[in-house]
Amino acid sequence: MEESMAKKEVEVPVLVVASKVKERIKSADVRMSGDFTDELNARVDVMIGEAIERAKGNKRGTVKPCDL
């Protein structure tokens, strides 16, 4: 079975609470676009992945704030 050469979009788990993000932005008297939380969530996922790799690279099984 051949796999498509097209890049598949990876489903990112929900890591941020959209209602809390919207509340925070609204408190600054600005509006939020509908896709803002999706992008924020994707960036958080990347940051977590990088922190995991840094912890593993330092031979630790615990991710720490310094890994961000």
PDB file of N, CA and C in Angstrom:
ATOM      1  N   MET A   1       0.834  -1.177   0.000  1.00  0.00           N
ATOM      2  CA  MET A   1       0.000   0.000   0.000  1.00  0.00           C
ATOM      3  C   MET A   1       0.881   1.243   0.000  1.00  0.00           C
ATOM      4  N   GLU A   2       0.672   2.123  -0.958  1.00  0.00           N
ATOM      5  CA  GLU A   2       1.464   3.339  -1.060  1.00  0.00           C
ATOM      6  C   GLU A   2       0.840   4.462  -0.264  1.00  0.00           C
ATOM      7  N   GLU A   3       1.680   5.226   0.399  1.00  0.00           N
ATOM      8  CA  GLU A   3       1.193   6.386   1.137  1.00  0.00           C
ATOM      9  C   GLU A   3       1.303   7.614   0.262  1.00  0.00           C
ATOM     10  N   SER A   4       0.398   8.532   0.443  1.00  0.00           N
ATOM     11  CA  SER A   4       0.406   9.769  -0.319  1.00  0.00           C
ATOM     12  C   SER A   4       1.642  10.575   0.018  1.00  0.00           C
ATOM     13  N   MET A   5       2.214  11.202  -1.000  1.00  0.00           N
ATOM     14  CA  MET A   5       3.386  12.032  -0.788  1.00  0.00           C
ATOM     15  C   MET A   5       3.011  13.396  -0.222  1.00  0.00           C
ATOM     16  N   ALA A   6       1.729  13.712  -0.227  1.00  0.00           N
ATOM     17  CA  ALA A   6       1.272  14.995   0.313  1.00  0.00           C
ATOM     18  C   ALA A   6       1.498  15.020   1.819  1.00  0.00           C
ATOM     19  N   LYS A   7       1.859  16.186   2.304  1.00  0.00           N
ATOM     20  CA  LYS A   7       2.105  16.348   3.732  1.00  0.00           C
ATOM     21  C   LYS A   7       0.781  16.277   4.476  1.00  0.00           C
ATOM     22  N   LYS A   8       0.705  15.385   5.457  1.00  0.00           N
ATOM     23  CA  LYS A   8      -0.505  15.236   6.250  1.00  0.00           C
ATOM     24  C   LYS A   8      -0.447  16.200   7.427  1.00  0.00           C
ATOM     25  N   GLU A   9      -1.579  16.828   7.694  1.00  0.00           N
ATOM     26  CA  GLU A   9      -1.654  17.736   8.825  1.00  0.00           C
ATOM     27  C   GLU A   9      -1.799  16.916  10.099  1.00  0.00           C
ATOM     28  N   VAL A  10      -0.957  17.182  11.080  1.00  0.00           N
ATOM     29  CA  VAL A  10      -0.966  16.445  12.330  1.00  0.00           C
ATOM     30  C   VAL A  10      -1.954  17.099  13.285  1.00  0.00           C
ATOM     31  N   GLU A  11      -2.784  16.300  13.912  1.00  0.00           N
ATOM     32  CA  GLU A  11      -3.755  16.796  14.878  1.00  0.00           C
ATOM     33  C   GLU A  11      -3.028  17.117  16.181  1.00  0.00           C
ATOM     34  N   VAL A  12      -3.115  18.363  16.602  1.00  0.00           N
ATOM     35  CA  VAL A  12      -2.465  18.813  17.832  1.00  0.00           C
ATOM     36  C   VAL A  12      -3.481  18.717  18.964  1.00  0.00           C
ATOM     37  N   PRO A  13      -3.124  18.098  20.087  1.00  0.00           N
ATOM     38  CA  PRO A  13      -4.072  18.016  21.204  1.00  0.00           C
ATOM     39  C   PRO A  13      -4.369  19.409  21.770  1.00  0.00           C
ATOM     40  N   VAL A  14      -5.537  19.566  22.339  1.00  0.00           N
ATOM     41  CA  VAL A  14      -5.908  20.849  22.936  1.00  0.00           C
ATOM     42  C   VAL A  14      -5.102  21.034  24.219  1.00  0.00           C
ATOM     43  N   LEU A  15      -4.310  22.101  24.247  1.00  0.00           N
ATOM     44  CA  LEU A  15      -3.429  22.364  25.384  1.00  0.00           C
ATOM     45  C   LEU A  15      -3.762  23.672  26.094  1.00  0.00           C
ATOM     46  N   VAL A  16      -4.517  24.538  25.421  1.00  0.00           N
ATOM     47  CA  VAL A  16      -4.880  25.824  26.017  1.00  0.00           C
ATOM     48  C   VAL A  16      -6.398  25.910  26.155  1.00  0.00           C
ATOM     49  N   VAL A  17      -6.850  26.621  27.161  1.00  0.00           N
ATOM     50  CA  VAL A  17      -8.276  26.796  27.402  1.00  0.00           C
ATOM     51  C   VAL A  17      -8.728  28.061  26.672  1.00  0.00           C
ATOM     52  N   ALA A  18      -9.486  27.866  25.595  1.00  0.00           N
ATOM     53  CA  ALA A  18      -9.887  28.976  24.736  1.00  0.00           C
ATOM     54  C   ALA A  18     -10.644  30.059  25.499  1.00  0.00           C
ATOM     55  N   SER A  19     -11.515  29.665  26.404  1.00  0.00           N
ATOM     56  CA  SER A  19     -12.300  30.657  27.145  1.00  0.00           C
ATOM     57  C   SER A  19     -11.419  31.534  28.024  1.00  0.00           C
ATOM     58  N   LYS A  20     -10.375  30.965  28.590  1.00  0.00           N
ATOM     59  CA  LYS A  20      -9.456  31.737  29.431  1.00  0.00           C
ATOM     60  C   LYS A  20      -8.604  32.681  28.583  1.00  0.00           C
ATOM     61  N   VAL A  21      -8.195  32.219  27.406  1.00  0.00           N
ATOM     62  CA  VAL A  21      -7.424  33.059  26.490  1.00  0.00           C
ATOM     63  C   VAL A  21      -8.286  34.241  26.050  1.00  0.00           C
ATOM     64  N   LYS A  22      -9.521  33.954  25.672  1.00  0.00           N
ATOM     65  CA  LYS A  22     -10.434  35.007  25.229  1.00  0.00           C
ATOM     66  C   LYS A  22     -10.686  36.006  26.360  1.00  0.00           C
ATOM     67  N   GLU A  23     -10.871  35.506  27.569  1.00  0.00           N
ATOM     68  CA  GLU A  23     -11.086  36.364  28.742  1.00  0.00           C
ATOM     69  C   GLU A  23      -9.894  37.297  28.961  1.00  0.00           C
ATOM     70  N   ARG A  24      -8.707  36.756  28.846  1.00  0.00           N
ATOM     71  CA  ARG A  24      -7.479  37.549  29.037  1.00  0.00           C
ATOM     72  C   ARG A  24      -7.362  38.637  27.978  1.00  0.00           C
ATOM     73  N   ILE A  25      -7.634  38.284  26.738  1.00  0.00           N
ATOM     74  CA  ILE A  25      -7.538  39.250  25.643  1.00  0.00           C
ATOM     75  C   ILE A  25      -8.621  40.321  25.779  1.00  0.00           C
ATOM     76  N   LYS A  26      -9.818  39.902  26.128  1.00  0.00           N
ATOM     77  CA  LYS A  26     -10.924  40.843  26.302  1.00  0.00           C
ATOM     78  C   LYS A  26     -10.631  41.833  27.427  1.00  0.00           C
ATOM     79  N   SER A  27      -9.916  41.388  28.465  1.00  0.00           N
ATOM     80  CA  SER A  27      -9.584  42.265  29.595  1.00  0.00           C
ATOM     81  C   SER A  27      -8.659  43.409  29.173  1.00  0.00           C
ATOM     82  N   ALA A  28      -8.001  43.244  28.030  1.00  0.00           N
ATOM     83  CA  ALA A  28      -7.116  44.293  27.499  1.00  0.00           C
ATOM     84  C   ALA A  28      -7.862  45.165  26.484  1.00  0.00           C
ATOM     85  N   ASP A  29      -9.185  45.008  26.420  1.00  0.00           N
ATOM     86  CA  ASP A  29     -10.039  45.796  25.522  1.00  0.00           C
ATOM     87  C   ASP A  29      -9.685  45.631  24.040  1.00  0.00           C
ATOM     88  N   VAL A  30      -9.319  44.408  23.659  1.00  0.00           N
ATOM     89  CA  VAL A  30      -9.114  44.079  22.249  1.00  0.00           C
ATOM     90  C   VAL A  30      -9.903  42.812  21.934  1.00  0.00           C
ATOM     91  N   ARG A  31     -10.102  42.558  20.646  1.00  0.00           N
ATOM     92  CA  ARG A  31     -10.838  41.373  20.215  1.00  0.00           C
ATOM     93  C   ARG A  31      -9.868  40.285  19.760  1.00  0.00           C
ATOM     94  N   MET A  32     -10.395  39.082  19.674  1.00  0.00           N
ATOM     95  CA  MET A  32      -9.587  37.934  19.286  1.00  0.00           C
ATOM     96  C   MET A  32     -10.189  37.292  18.049  1.00  0.00           C
ATOM     97  N   SER A  33      -9.357  36.997  17.066  1.00  0.00           N
ATOM     98  CA  SER A  33      -9.852  36.302  15.877  1.00  0.00           C
ATOM     99  C   SER A  33     -10.161  34.854  16.244  1.00  0.00           C
ATOM    100  N   GLY A  34     -11.024  34.232  15.477  1.00  0.00           N
ATOM    101  CA  GLY A  34     -11.451  32.870  15.762  1.00  0.00           C
ATOM    102  C   GLY A  34     -10.351  31.832  15.708  1.00  0.00           C
ATOM    103  N   ASP A  35      -9.325  32.089  14.907  1.00  0.00           N
ATOM    104  CA  ASP A  35      -8.249  31.102  14.756  1.00  0.00           C
ATOM    105  C   ASP A  35      -7.043  31.376  15.664  1.00  0.00           C
ATOM    106  N   PHE A  36      -7.140  32.391  16.519  1.00  0.00           N
ATOM    107  CA  PHE A  36      -6.020  32.730  17.400  1.00  0.00           C
ATOM    108  C   PHE A  36      -5.670  31.577  18.338  1.00  0.00           C
ATOM    109  N   THR A  37      -6.681  30.970  18.970  1.00  0.00           N
ATOM    110  CA  THR A  37      -6.386  29.895  19.925  1.00  0.00           C
ATOM    111  C   THR A  37      -5.787  28.673  19.236  1.00  0.00           C
ATOM    112  N   ASP A  38      -6.167  28.423  17.980  1.00  0.00           N
ATOM    113  CA  ASP A  38      -5.575  27.297  17.240  1.00  0.00           C
ATOM    114  C   ASP A  38      -4.072  27.509  17.054  1.00  0.00           C
ATOM    115  N   GLU A  39      -3.696  28.727  16.666  1.00  0.00           N
ATOM    116  CA  GLU A  39      -2.275  29.038  16.468  1.00  0.00           C
ATOM    117  C   GLU A  39      -1.521  29.016  17.792  1.00  0.00           C
ATOM    118  N   LEU A  40      -2.134  29.590  18.826  1.00  0.00           N
ATOM    119  CA  LEU A  40      -1.510  29.584  20.155  1.00  0.00           C
ATOM    120  C   LEU A  40      -1.292  28.154  20.627  1.00  0.00           C
ATOM    121  N   ASN A  41      -2.293  27.322  20.451  1.00  0.00           N
ATOM    122  CA  ASN A  41      -2.199  25.924  20.847  1.00  0.00           C
ATOM    123  C   ASN A  41      -1.074  25.208  20.094  1.00  0.00           C
ATOM    124  N   ALA A  42      -0.958  25.465  18.793  1.00  0.00           N
ATOM    125  CA  ALA A  42       0.100  24.845  17.985  1.00  0.00           C
ATOM    126  C   ALA A  42       1.480  25.282  18.462  1.00  0.00           C
ATOM    127  N   ARG A  43       1.609  26.568  18.791  1.00  0.00           N
ATOM    128  CA  ARG A  43       2.911  27.057  19.269  1.00  0.00           C
ATOM    129  C   ARG A  43       3.271  26.476  20.627  1.00  0.00           C
ATOM    130  N   VAL A  44       2.286  26.338  21.509  1.00  0.00           N
ATOM    131  CA  VAL A  44       2.521  25.729  22.821  1.00  0.00           C
ATOM    132  C   VAL A  44       2.970  24.282  22.633  1.00  0.00           C
ATOM    133  N   ASP A  45       2.336  23.570  21.703  1.00  0.00           N
ATOM    134  CA  ASP A  45       2.713  22.185  21.433  1.00  0.00           C
ATOM    135  C   ASP A  45       4.165  22.092  20.974  1.00  0.00           C
ATOM    136  N   VAL A  46       4.593  23.005  20.111  1.00  0.00           N
ATOM    137  CA  VAL A  46       5.984  23.035  19.642  1.00  0.00           C
ATOM    138  C   VAL A  46       6.924  23.318  20.812  1.00  0.00           C
ATOM    139  N   MET A  47       6.569  24.286  21.647  1.00  0.00           N
ATOM    140  CA  MET A  47       7.405  24.619  22.807  1.00  0.00           C
ATOM    141  C   MET A  47       7.568  23.418  23.740  1.00  0.00           C
ATOM    142  N   ILE A  48       6.482  22.699  23.971  1.00  0.00           N
ATOM    143  CA  ILE A  48       6.546  21.516  24.829  1.00  0.00           C
ATOM    144  C   ILE A  48       7.443  20.451  24.208  1.00  0.00           C
ATOM    145  N   GLY A  49       7.301  20.242  22.914  1.00  0.00           N
ATOM    146  CA  GLY A  49       8.142  19.260  22.218  1.00  0.00           C
ATOM    147  C   GLY A  49       9.619  19.600  22.317  1.00  0.00           C
ATOM    148  N   GLU A  50       9.933  20.878  22.147  1.00  0.00           N
ATOM    149  CA  GLU A  50      11.331  21.315  22.254  1.00  0.00           C
ATOM    150  C   GLU A  50      11.848  21.153  23.678  1.00  0.00           C
ATOM    151  N   ALA A  51      11.008  21.430  24.650  1.00  0.00           N
ATOM    152  CA  ALA A  51      11.417  21.277  26.060  1.00  0.00           C
ATOM    153  C   ALA A  51      11.678  19.805  26.382  1.00  0.00           C
ATOM    154  N   ILE A  52      10.856  18.930  25.847  1.00  0.00           N
ATOM    155  CA  ILE A  52      11.056  17.486  26.052  1.00  0.00           C
ATOM    156  C   ILE A  52      12.388  17.048  25.464  1.00  0.00           C
ATOM    157  N   GLU A  53      12.669  17.484  24.250  1.00  0.00           N
ATOM    158  CA  GLU A  53      13.930  17.112  23.602  1.00  0.00           C
ATOM    159  C   GLU A  53      15.137  17.651  24.365  1.00  0.00           C
ATOM    160  N   ARG A  54      15.030  18.855  24.898  1.00  0.00           N
ATOM    161  CA  ARG A  54      16.135  19.437  25.668  1.00  0.00           C
ATOM    162  C   ARG A  54      16.370  18.638  26.942  1.00  0.00           C
ATOM    163  N   ALA A  55      15.280  18.265  27.621  1.00  0.00           N
ATOM    164  CA  ALA A  55      15.411  17.468  28.848  1.00  0.00           C
ATOM    165  C   ALA A  55      16.061  16.118  28.540  1.00  0.00           C
ATOM    166  N   LYS A  56      15.605  15.473  27.478  1.00  0.00           N
ATOM    167  CA  LYS A  56      16.205  14.186  27.089  1.00  0.00           C
ATOM    168  C   LYS A  56      17.666  14.358  26.711  1.00  0.00           C
ATOM    169  N   GLY A  57      17.983  15.455  26.014  1.00  0.00           N
ATOM    170  CA  GLY A  57      19.367  15.733  25.625  1.00  0.00           C
ATOM    171  C   GLY A  57      20.282  15.939  26.816  1.00  0.00           C
ATOM    172  N   ASN A  58      19.701  16.392  27.915  1.00  0.00           N
ATOM    173  CA  ASN A  58      20.455  16.577  29.156  1.00  0.00           C
ATOM    174  C   ASN A  58      20.329  15.371  30.079  1.00  0.00           C
ATOM    175  N   LYS A  59      19.834  14.267  29.511  1.00  0.00           N
ATOM    176  CA  LYS A  59      19.699  12.994  30.229  1.00  0.00           C
ATOM    177  C   LYS A  59      18.839  13.121  31.488  1.00  0.00           C
ATOM    178  N   ARG A  60      17.749  13.878  31.357  1.00  0.00           N
ATOM    179  CA  ARG A  60      16.799  14.025  32.464  1.00  0.00           C
ATOM    180  C   ARG A  60      15.453  13.474  32.038  1.00  0.00           C
ATOM    181  N   GLY A  61      14.735  12.924  32.988  1.00  0.00           N
ATOM    182  CA  GLY A  61      13.385  12.435  32.740  1.00  0.00           C
ATOM    183  C   GLY A  61      12.330  13.441  33.186  1.00  0.00           C
ATOM    184  N   THR A  62      12.787  14.619  33.620  1.00  0.00           N
ATOM    185  CA  THR A  62      11.879  15.657  34.099  1.00  0.00           C
ATOM    186  C   THR A  62      12.082  16.926  33.268  1.00  0.00           C
ATOM    187  N   VAL A  63      10.977  17.444  32.739  1.00  0.00           N
ATOM    188  CA  VAL A  63      11.016  18.705  32.004  1.00  0.00           C
ATOM    189  C   VAL A  63      10.915  19.836  33.020  1.00  0.00           C
ATOM    190  N   LYS A  64      11.830  20.785  32.935  1.00  0.00           N
ATOM    191  CA  LYS A  64      11.901  21.911  33.878  1.00  0.00           C
ATOM    192  C   LYS A  64      11.694  23.223  33.143  1.00  0.00           C
ATOM    193  N   PRO A  65      11.400  24.296  33.892  1.00  0.00           N
ATOM    194  CA  PRO A  65      11.230  25.609  33.260  1.00  0.00           C
ATOM    195  C   PRO A  65      12.440  26.022  32.412  1.00  0.00           C
ATOM    196  N   CYS A  66      13.620  25.624  32.811  1.00  0.00           N
ATOM    197  CA  CYS A  66      14.815  26.003  32.052  1.00  0.00           C
ATOM    198  C   CYS A  66      14.855  25.346  30.679  1.00  0.00           C
ATOM    199  N   ASP A  67      13.998  24.347  30.440  1.00  0.00           N
ATOM    200  CA  ASP A  67      13.949  23.685  29.138  1.00  0.00           C
ATOM    201  C   ASP A  67      13.157  24.475  28.104  1.00  0.00           C
ATOM    202  N   LEU A  68      12.456  25.506  28.555  1.00  0.00           N
ATOM    203  CA  LEU A  68      11.674  26.322  27.624  1.00  0.00           C
ATOM    204  C   LEU A  68      12.564  27.301  26.891  1.00  0.00           C
TER     205      LEU A  68
END
